[in-house]
PDB file of N, CA and C in Angstrom:
ATOM      1  N   MET A   1      50.101 332.991 184.019  1.00  0.00           N
ATOM      2  CA  MET A   1      49.843 331.744 183.329  1.00  0.00           C
ATOM      3  C   MET A   1      50.955 330.769 183.689  1.00  0.00           C
ATOM      4  N   LYS A   2      50.568 329.511 183.966  1.00  0.00           N
ATOM      5  CA  LYS A   2      51.563 328.501 184.320  1.00  0.00           C
ATOM      6  C   LYS A   2      51.126 327.141 183.773  1.00  0.00           C
ATOM      7  N   VAL A   3      52.043 326.189 183.834  1.00  0.00           N
ATOM      8  CA  VAL A   3      51.761 324.834 183.353  1.00  0.00           C
ATOM      9  C   VAL A   3      50.576 324.268 184.125  1.00  0.00           C
ATOM     10  N   GLY A   4      49.638 323.669 183.404  1.00  0.00           N
ATOM     11  CA  GLY A   4      48.458 323.067 184.006  1.00  0.00           C
ATOM     12  C   GLY A   4      47.223 323.941 183.942  1.00  0.00           C
ATOM     13  N   ASP A   5      47.372 325.226 183.601  1.00  0.00           N
ATOM     14  CA  ASP A   5      46.223 326.129 183.508  1.00  0.00           C
ATOM     15  C   ASP A   5      45.353 325.771 182.303  1.00  0.00           C
ATOM     16  N   LEU A   6      44.042 325.903 182.470  1.00  0.00           N
ATOM     17  CA  LEU A   6      43.099 325.739 181.373  1.00  0.00           C
ATOM     18  C   LEU A   6      42.966 327.083 180.679  1.00  0.00           C
ATOM     19  N   VAL A   7      43.140 327.107 179.358  1.00  0.00           N
ATOM     20  CA  VAL A   7      43.110 328.363 178.614  1.00  0.00           C
ATOM     21  C   VAL A   7      42.124 328.297 177.452  1.00  0.00           C
ATOM     22  N   ASP A   8      41.572 329.466 177.126  1.00  0.00           N
ATOM     23  CA  ASP A   8      40.738 329.630 175.936  1.00  0.00           C
ATOM     24  C   ASP A   8      41.638 330.232 174.870  1.00  0.00           C
ATOM     25  N   ILE A   9      41.647 329.634 173.676  1.00  0.00           N
ATOM     26  CA  ILE A   9      42.587 330.037 172.628  1.00  0.00           C
ATOM     27  C   ILE A   9      41.845 330.752 171.505  1.00  0.00           C
ATOM     28  N   ASN A  10      42.235 331.990 171.255  1.00  0.00           N
ATOM     29  CA  ASN A  10      41.768 332.764 170.107  1.00  0.00           C
ATOM     30  C   ASN A  10      43.015 333.181 169.343  1.00  0.00           C
ATOM     31  N   GLN A  11      43.406 332.363 168.377  1.00  0.00           N
ATOM     32  CA  GLN A  11      44.661 332.543 167.665  1.00  0.00           C
ATOM     33  C   GLN A  11      44.607 333.773 166.762  1.00  0.00           C
ATOM     34  N   GLU A  12      45.551 334.690 166.994  1.00  0.00           N
ATOM     35  CA  GLU A  12      45.639 335.907 166.191  1.00  0.00           C
ATOM     36  C   GLU A  12      46.743 335.752 165.152  1.00  0.00           C
ATOM     37  N   ARG A  13      46.411 336.086 163.905  1.00  0.00           N
ATOM     38  CA  ARG A  13      47.402 336.082 162.822  1.00  0.00           C
ATOM     39  C   ARG A  13      47.286 337.380 162.066  1.00  0.00           C
ATOM     40  N   GLY A  14      48.411 337.916 161.644  1.00  0.00           N
ATOM     41  CA  GLY A  14      48.417 339.163 160.903  1.00  0.00           C
ATOM     42  C   GLY A  14      48.399 340.355 161.828  1.00  0.00           C
ATOM     43  N   THR A  15      48.252 341.539 161.228  1.00  0.00           N
ATOM     44  CA  THR A  15      48.244 342.771 162.005  1.00  0.00           C
ATOM     45  C   THR A  15      47.407 343.823 161.284  1.00  0.00           C
ATOM     46  N   GLY A  16      46.934 344.812 162.025  1.00  0.00           N
ATOM     47  CA  GLY A  16      46.160 345.907 161.432  1.00  0.00           C
ATOM     48  C   GLY A  16      44.887 345.404 160.768  1.00  0.00           C
ATOM     49  N   ILE A  17      44.628 345.897 159.563  1.00  0.00           N
ATOM     50  CA  ILE A  17      43.401 345.501 158.858  1.00  0.00           C
ATOM     51  C   ILE A  17      43.480 344.057 158.355  1.00  0.00           C
ATOM     52  N   TYR A  18      44.679 343.479 158.389  1.00  0.00           N
ATOM     53  CA  TYR A  18      44.861 342.100 157.935  1.00  0.00           C
ATOM     54  C   TYR A  18      44.814 341.100 159.091  1.00  0.00           C
ATOM     55  N   LYS A  19      44.512 341.581 160.300  1.00  0.00           N
ATOM     56  CA  LYS A  19      44.467 340.728 161.479  1.00  0.00           C
ATOM     57  C   LYS A  19      43.271 339.782 161.393  1.00  0.00           C
ATOM     58  N   ASP A  20      43.521 338.512 161.675  1.00  0.00           N
ATOM     59  CA  ASP A  20      42.480 337.489 161.646  1.00  0.00           C
ATOM     60  C   ASP A  20      42.522 336.727 162.965  1.00  0.00           C
ATOM     61  N   VAL A  21      41.377 336.579 163.623  1.00  0.00           N
ATOM     62  CA  VAL A  21      41.297 335.856 164.883  1.00  0.00           C
ATOM     63  C   VAL A  21      40.495 334.576 164.657  1.00  0.00           C
ATOM     64  N   THR A  22      41.126 333.430 164.994  1.00  0.00           N
ATOM     65  CA  THR A  22      40.493 332.129 164.826  1.00  0.00           C
ATOM     66  C   THR A  22      40.286 331.478 166.192  1.00  0.00           C
ATOM     67  N   PRO A  23      39.029 331.255 166.621  1.00  0.00           N
ATOM     68  CA  PRO A  23      38.796 330.561 167.885  1.00  0.00           C
ATOM     69  C   PRO A  23      39.246 329.101 167.778  1.00  0.00           C
ATOM     70  N   ARG A  24      40.084 328.641 168.713  1.00  0.00           N
ATOM     71  CA  ARG A  24      40.604 327.276 168.674  1.00  0.00           C
ATOM     72  C   ARG A  24      40.069 326.408 169.803  1.00  0.00           C
ATOM     73  N   GLY A  25      39.271 326.970 170.711  1.00  0.00           N
ATOM     74  CA  GLY A  25      38.692 326.182 171.793  1.00  0.00           C
ATOM     75  C   GLY A  25      39.536 326.220 173.056  1.00  0.00           C
ATOM     76  N   LEU A  26      39.363 325.205 173.884  1.00  0.00           N
ATOM     77  CA  LEU A  26      40.058 325.126 175.164  1.00  0.00           C
ATOM     78  C   LEU A  26      41.271 324.215 175.074  1.00  0.00           C
ATOM     79  N   GLY A  27      42.222 324.439 175.976  1.00  0.00           N
ATOM     80  CA  GLY A  27      43.410 323.596 176.043  1.00  0.00           C
ATOM     81  C   GLY A  27      44.087 323.757 177.387  1.00  0.00           C
ATOM     82  N   VAL A  28      45.097 322.924 177.623  1.00  0.00           N
ATOM     83  CA  VAL A  28      45.858 322.949 178.867  1.00  0.00           C
ATOM     84  C   VAL A  28      47.313 323.285 178.546  1.00  0.00           C
ATOM     85  N   VAL A  29      47.872 324.249 179.274  1.00  0.00           N
ATOM     86  CA  VAL A  29      49.260 324.653 179.074  1.00  0.00           C
ATOM     87  C   VAL A  29      50.182 323.517 179.509  1.00  0.00           C
ATOM     88  N   VAL A  30      51.092 323.090 178.603  1.00  0.00           N
ATOM     89  CA  VAL A  30      52.005 321.991 178.936  1.00  0.00           C
ATOM     90  C   VAL A  30      53.461 322.441 179.104  1.00  0.00           C
ATOM     91  N   ARG A  31      53.866 323.536 178.418  1.00  0.00           N
ATOM     92  CA  ARG A  31      55.232 324.030 178.605  1.00  0.00           C
ATOM     93  C   ARG A  31      55.394 325.387 177.935  1.00  0.00           C
ATOM     94  N   PHE A  32      56.480 326.065 178.318  1.00  0.00           N
ATOM     95  CA  PHE A  32      56.839 327.365 177.759  1.00  0.00           C
ATOM     96  C   PHE A  32      58.171 327.223 177.031  1.00  0.00           C
ATOM     97  N   GLU A  33      58.344 328.008 175.965  1.00  0.00           N
ATOM     98  CA  GLU A  33      59.594 327.972 175.204  1.00  0.00           C
ATOM     99  C   GLU A  33      60.014 329.399 174.858  1.00  0.00           C
ATOM    100  N   GLU A  34      61.240 329.746 175.206  1.00  0.00           N
ATOM    101  CA  GLU A  34      61.802 331.037 174.824  1.00  0.00           C
ATOM    102  C   GLU A  34      62.523 330.877 173.488  1.00  0.00           C
ATOM    103  N   LEU A  35      62.194 331.727 172.539  1.00  0.00           N
ATOM    104  CA  LEU A  35      62.835 331.673 171.225  1.00  0.00           C
ATOM    105  C   LEU A  35      63.996 332.653 171.172  1.00  0.00           C
ATOM    106  N   GLU A  36      65.031 332.282 170.422  1.00  0.00           N
ATOM    107  CA  GLU A  36      66.164 333.179 170.231  1.00  0.00           C
ATOM    108  C   GLU A  36      65.787 334.270 169.229  1.00  0.00           C
ATOM    109  N   ASP A  37      66.403 335.425 169.383  1.00  0.00           N
ATOM    110  CA  ASP A  37      66.155 336.527 168.455  1.00  0.00           C
ATOM    111  C   ASP A  37      66.658 336.168 167.059  1.00  0.00           C
ATOM    112  N   LEU A  38      65.964 336.696 166.047  1.00  0.00           N
ATOM    113  CA  LEU A  38      66.433 336.579 164.668  1.00  0.00           C
ATOM    114  C   LEU A  38      67.339 337.767 164.395  1.00  0.00           C
ATOM    115  N   HIS A  39      68.430 337.552 163.679  1.00  0.00           N
ATOM    116  CA  HIS A  39      69.375 338.627 163.385  1.00  0.00           C
ATOM    117  C   HIS A  39      69.495 338.797 161.873  1.00  0.00           C
ATOM    118  N   TYR A  40      69.179 339.991 161.407  1.00  0.00           N
ATOM    119  CA  TYR A  40      69.322 340.333 160.000  1.00  0.00           C
ATOM    120  C   TYR A  40      70.313 341.494 159.894  1.00  0.00           C
ATOM    121  N   PRO A  41      71.307 341.383 159.009  1.00  0.00           N
ATOM    122  CA  PRO A  41      72.334 342.418 158.912  1.00  0.00           C
ATOM    123  C   PRO A  41      71.779 343.821 158.650  1.00  0.00           C
ATOM    124  N   ASN A  42      70.813 343.949 157.754  1.00  0.00           N
ATOM    125  CA  ASN A  42      70.299 345.266 157.377  1.00  0.00           C
ATOM    126  C   ASN A  42      69.182 345.770 158.291  1.00  0.00           C
ATOM    127  N   ILE A  43      68.580 344.877 159.058  1.00  0.00           N
ATOM    128  CA  ILE A  43      67.436 345.247 159.891  1.00  0.00           C
ATOM    129  C   ILE A  43      67.803 345.291 161.365  1.00  0.00           C
ATOM    130  N   GLY A  44      68.575 344.312 161.799  1.00  0.00           N
ATOM    131  CA  GLY A  44      68.923 344.197 163.216  1.00  0.00           C
ATOM    132  C   GLY A  44      68.251 342.974 163.827  1.00  0.00           C
ATOM    133  N   SER A  45      68.049 342.993 165.118  1.00  0.00           N
ATOM    134  CA  SER A  45      67.467 341.859 165.836  1.00  0.00           C
ATOM    135  C   SER A  45      65.947 341.979 165.911  1.00  0.00           C
ATOM    136  N   ILE A  46      65.281 340.836 165.801  1.00  0.00           N
ATOM    137  CA  ILE A  46      63.827 340.766 165.942  1.00  0.00           C
ATOM    138  C   ILE A  46      63.530 339.754 167.036  1.00  0.00           C
ATOM    139  N   ASN A  47      62.849 340.207 168.084  1.00  0.00           N
ATOM    140  CA  ASN A  47      62.492 339.334 169.194  1.00  0.00           C
ATOM    141  C   ASN A  47      61.125 338.713 168.907  1.00  0.00           C
ATOM    142  N   LEU A  48      61.083 337.386 168.799  1.00  0.00           N
ATOM    143  CA  LEU A  48      59.834 336.688 168.503  1.00  0.00           C
ATOM    144  C   LEU A  48      59.004 336.424 169.753  1.00  0.00           C
ATOM    145  N   GLY A  49      59.596 336.626 170.928  1.00  0.00           N
ATOM    146  CA  GLY A  49      58.853 336.416 172.171  1.00  0.00           C
ATOM    147  C   GLY A  49      58.741 334.958 172.533  1.00  0.00           C
ATOM    148  N   PRO A  50      58.060 334.677 173.637  1.00  0.00           N
ATOM    149  CA  PRO A  50      57.905 333.285 174.081  1.00  0.00           C
ATOM    150  C   PRO A  50      56.780 332.568 173.329  1.00  0.00           C
ATOM    151  N   ILE A  51      56.835 331.264 173.359  1.00  0.00           N
ATOM    152  CA  ILE A  51      55.786 330.410 172.798  1.00  0.00           C
ATOM    153  C   ILE A  51      55.229 329.564 173.944  1.00  0.00           C
ATOM    154  N   VAL A  52      53.904 329.485 174.025  1.00  0.00           N
ATOM    155  CA  VAL A  52      53.244 328.662 175.037  1.00  0.00           C
ATOM    156  C   VAL A  52      52.687 327.436 174.321  1.00  0.00           C
ATOM    157  N   HIS A  53      53.142 326.242 174.712  1.00  0.00           N
ATOM    158  CA  HIS A  53      52.659 325.006 174.098  1.00  0.00           C
ATOM    159  C   HIS A  53      51.428 324.528 174.865  1.00  0.00           C
ATOM    160  N   VAL A  54      50.362 324.264 174.101  1.00  0.00           N
ATOM    161  CA  VAL A  54      49.065 323.933 174.688  1.00  0.00           C
ATOM    162  C   VAL A  54      48.561 322.606 174.118  1.00  0.00           C
ATOM    163  N   LEU A  55      48.069 321.740 175.006  1.00  0.00           N
ATOM    164  CA  LEU A  55      47.400 320.497 174.597  1.00  0.00           C
ATOM    165  C   LEU A  55      45.960 320.858 174.281  1.00  0.00           C
ATOM    166  N   LEU A  56      45.588 320.751 173.015  1.00  0.00           N
ATOM    167  CA  LEU A  56      44.249 321.128 172.572  1.00  0.00           C
ATOM    168  C   LEU A  56      43.236 320.030 172.885  1.00  0.00           C
ATOM    169  N   ASN A  57      41.950 320.387 172.822  1.00  0.00           N
ATOM    170  CA  ASN A  57      40.914 319.392 173.082  1.00  0.00           C
ATOM    171  C   ASN A  57      40.814 318.356 171.962  1.00  0.00           C
ATOM    172  N   THR A  58      41.565 318.553 170.861  1.00  0.00           N
ATOM    173  CA  THR A  58      41.615 317.571 169.764  1.00  0.00           C
ATOM    174  C   THR A  58      42.681 316.508 170.016  1.00  0.00           C
ATOM    175  N   GLY A  59      43.523 316.718 171.060  1.00  0.00           N
ATOM    176  CA  GLY A  59      44.604 315.792 171.364  1.00  0.00           C
ATOM    177  C   GLY A  59      45.944 316.226 170.794  1.00  0.00           C
ATOM    178  N   GLU A  60      45.959 317.268 169.978  1.00  0.00           N
ATOM    179  CA  GLU A  60      47.200 317.783 169.393  1.00  0.00           C
ATOM    180  C   GLU A  60      47.831 318.816 170.329  1.00  0.00           C
ATOM    181  N   THR A  61      49.145 318.994 170.201  1.00  0.00           N
ATOM    182  CA  THR A  61      49.846 320.035 170.946  1.00  0.00           C
ATOM    183  C   THR A  61      50.356 321.073 169.960  1.00  0.00           C
ATOM    184  N   GLU A  62      50.064 322.351 170.237  1.00  0.00           N
ATOM    185  CA  GLU A  62      50.495 323.444 169.366  1.00  0.00           C
ATOM    186  C   GLU A  62      51.061 324.577 170.193  1.00  0.00           C
ATOM    187  N   GLY A  63      51.898 325.400 169.569  1.00  0.00           N
ATOM    188  CA  GLY A  63      52.474 326.557 170.229  1.00  0.00           C
ATOM    189  C   GLY A  63      51.748 327.829 169.833  1.00  0.00           C
ATOM    190  N   PHE A  64      51.510 328.705 170.812  1.00  0.00           N
ATOM    191  CA  PHE A  64      50.795 329.956 170.584  1.00  0.00           C
ATOM    192  C   PHE A  64      51.517 331.105 171.281  1.00  0.00           C
ATOM    193  N   ALA A  65      51.305 332.308 170.773  1.00  0.00           N
ATOM    194  CA  ALA A  65      51.775 333.508 171.455  1.00  0.00           C
ATOM    195  C   ALA A  65      50.905 333.711 172.698  1.00  0.00           C
ATOM    196  N   PRO A  66      51.485 334.184 173.792  1.00  0.00           N
ATOM    197  CA  PRO A  66      50.707 334.385 175.019  1.00  0.00           C
ATOM    198  C   PRO A  66      49.494 335.303 174.840  1.00  0.00           C
ATOM    199  N   GLN A  67      49.556 336.246 173.888  1.00  0.00           N
ATOM    200  CA  GLN A  67      48.444 337.156 173.642  1.00  0.00           C
ATOM    201  C   GLN A  67      47.204 336.440 173.119  1.00  0.00           C
ATOM    202  N   SER A  68      47.377 335.236 172.560  1.00  0.00           N
ATOM    203  CA  SER A  68      46.257 334.474 172.009  1.00  0.00           C
ATOM    204  C   SER A  68      45.539 333.637 173.060  1.00  0.00           C
ATOM    205  N   LEU A  69      46.033 333.664 174.299  1.00  0.00           N
ATOM    206  CA  LEU A  69      45.496 332.791 175.342  1.00  0.00           C
ATOM    207  C   LEU A  69      44.881 333.594 176.484  1.00  0.00           C
ATOM    208  N   GLU A  70      43.778 333.070 177.010  1.00  0.00           N
ATOM    209  CA  GLU A  70      43.144 333.655 178.185  1.00  0.00           C
ATOM    210  C   GLU A  70      42.935 332.546 179.200  1.00  0.00           C
ATOM    211  N   VAL A  71      43.434 332.735 180.418  1.00  0.00           N
ATOM    212  CA  VAL A  71      43.300 331.717 181.462  1.00  0.00           C
ATOM    213  C   VAL A  71      41.835 331.636 181.902  1.00  0.00           C
ATOM    214  N   VAL A  72      41.262 330.424 181.812  1.00  0.00           N
ATOM    215  CA  VAL A  72      39.887 330.180 182.222  1.00  0.00           C
ATOM    216  C   VAL A  72      39.859 329.664 183.653  1.00  0.00           C
ATOM    217  N   CYS A  73      40.821 328.760 183.966  1.00  0.00           N
ATOM    218  CA  CYS A  73      40.889 328.164 185.294  1.00  0.00           C
ATOM    219  C   CYS A  73      42.351 327.875 185.612  1.00  0.00           C
ATOM    220  N   GLU A  74      42.820 328.376 186.754  1.00  0.00           N
ATOM    221  CA  GLU A  74      44.209 328.135 187.152  1.00  0.00           C
ATOM    222  C   GLU A  74      44.355 326.757 187.764  1.00  0.00           C
ATOM    223  N   SER A  75      45.521 326.139 187.504  1.00  0.00           N
ATOM    224  CA  SER A  75      45.799 324.840 188.095  1.00  0.00           C
ATOM    225  C   SER A  75      46.078 325.017 189.583  1.00  0.00           C
ATOM    226  N   ARG A  76      45.946 323.965 190.345  1.00  0.00           N
ATOM    227  CA  ARG A  76      46.167 324.029 191.796  1.00  0.00           C
ATOM    228  C   ARG A  76      47.610 323.779 192.178  1.00  0.00           C
ATOM    229  N   ARG A  77      48.479 323.597 191.209  1.00  0.00           N
ATOM    230  CA  ARG A  77      49.902 323.343 191.476  1.00  0.00           C
ATOM    231  C   ARG A  77      50.592 324.572 191.944  1.00  0.00           C
TER     232      ARG A  77
END
């Protein structure tokens, strides 16, 4: 996946039996963002992973986990 790719977004929230998938439509990847780990004294570090920012067909830009995106058409860049 790279900037300019057309993606289909099925946003996943929750886990296990509480997992909910919301179809969000198509969008274009505009940028990637690496998040810093969260550090909790009693738990340790939690890696949140990367965020992919996508321009939605509504005109809004939102960030999604890469697992929620499927490349429909690759950009020619």
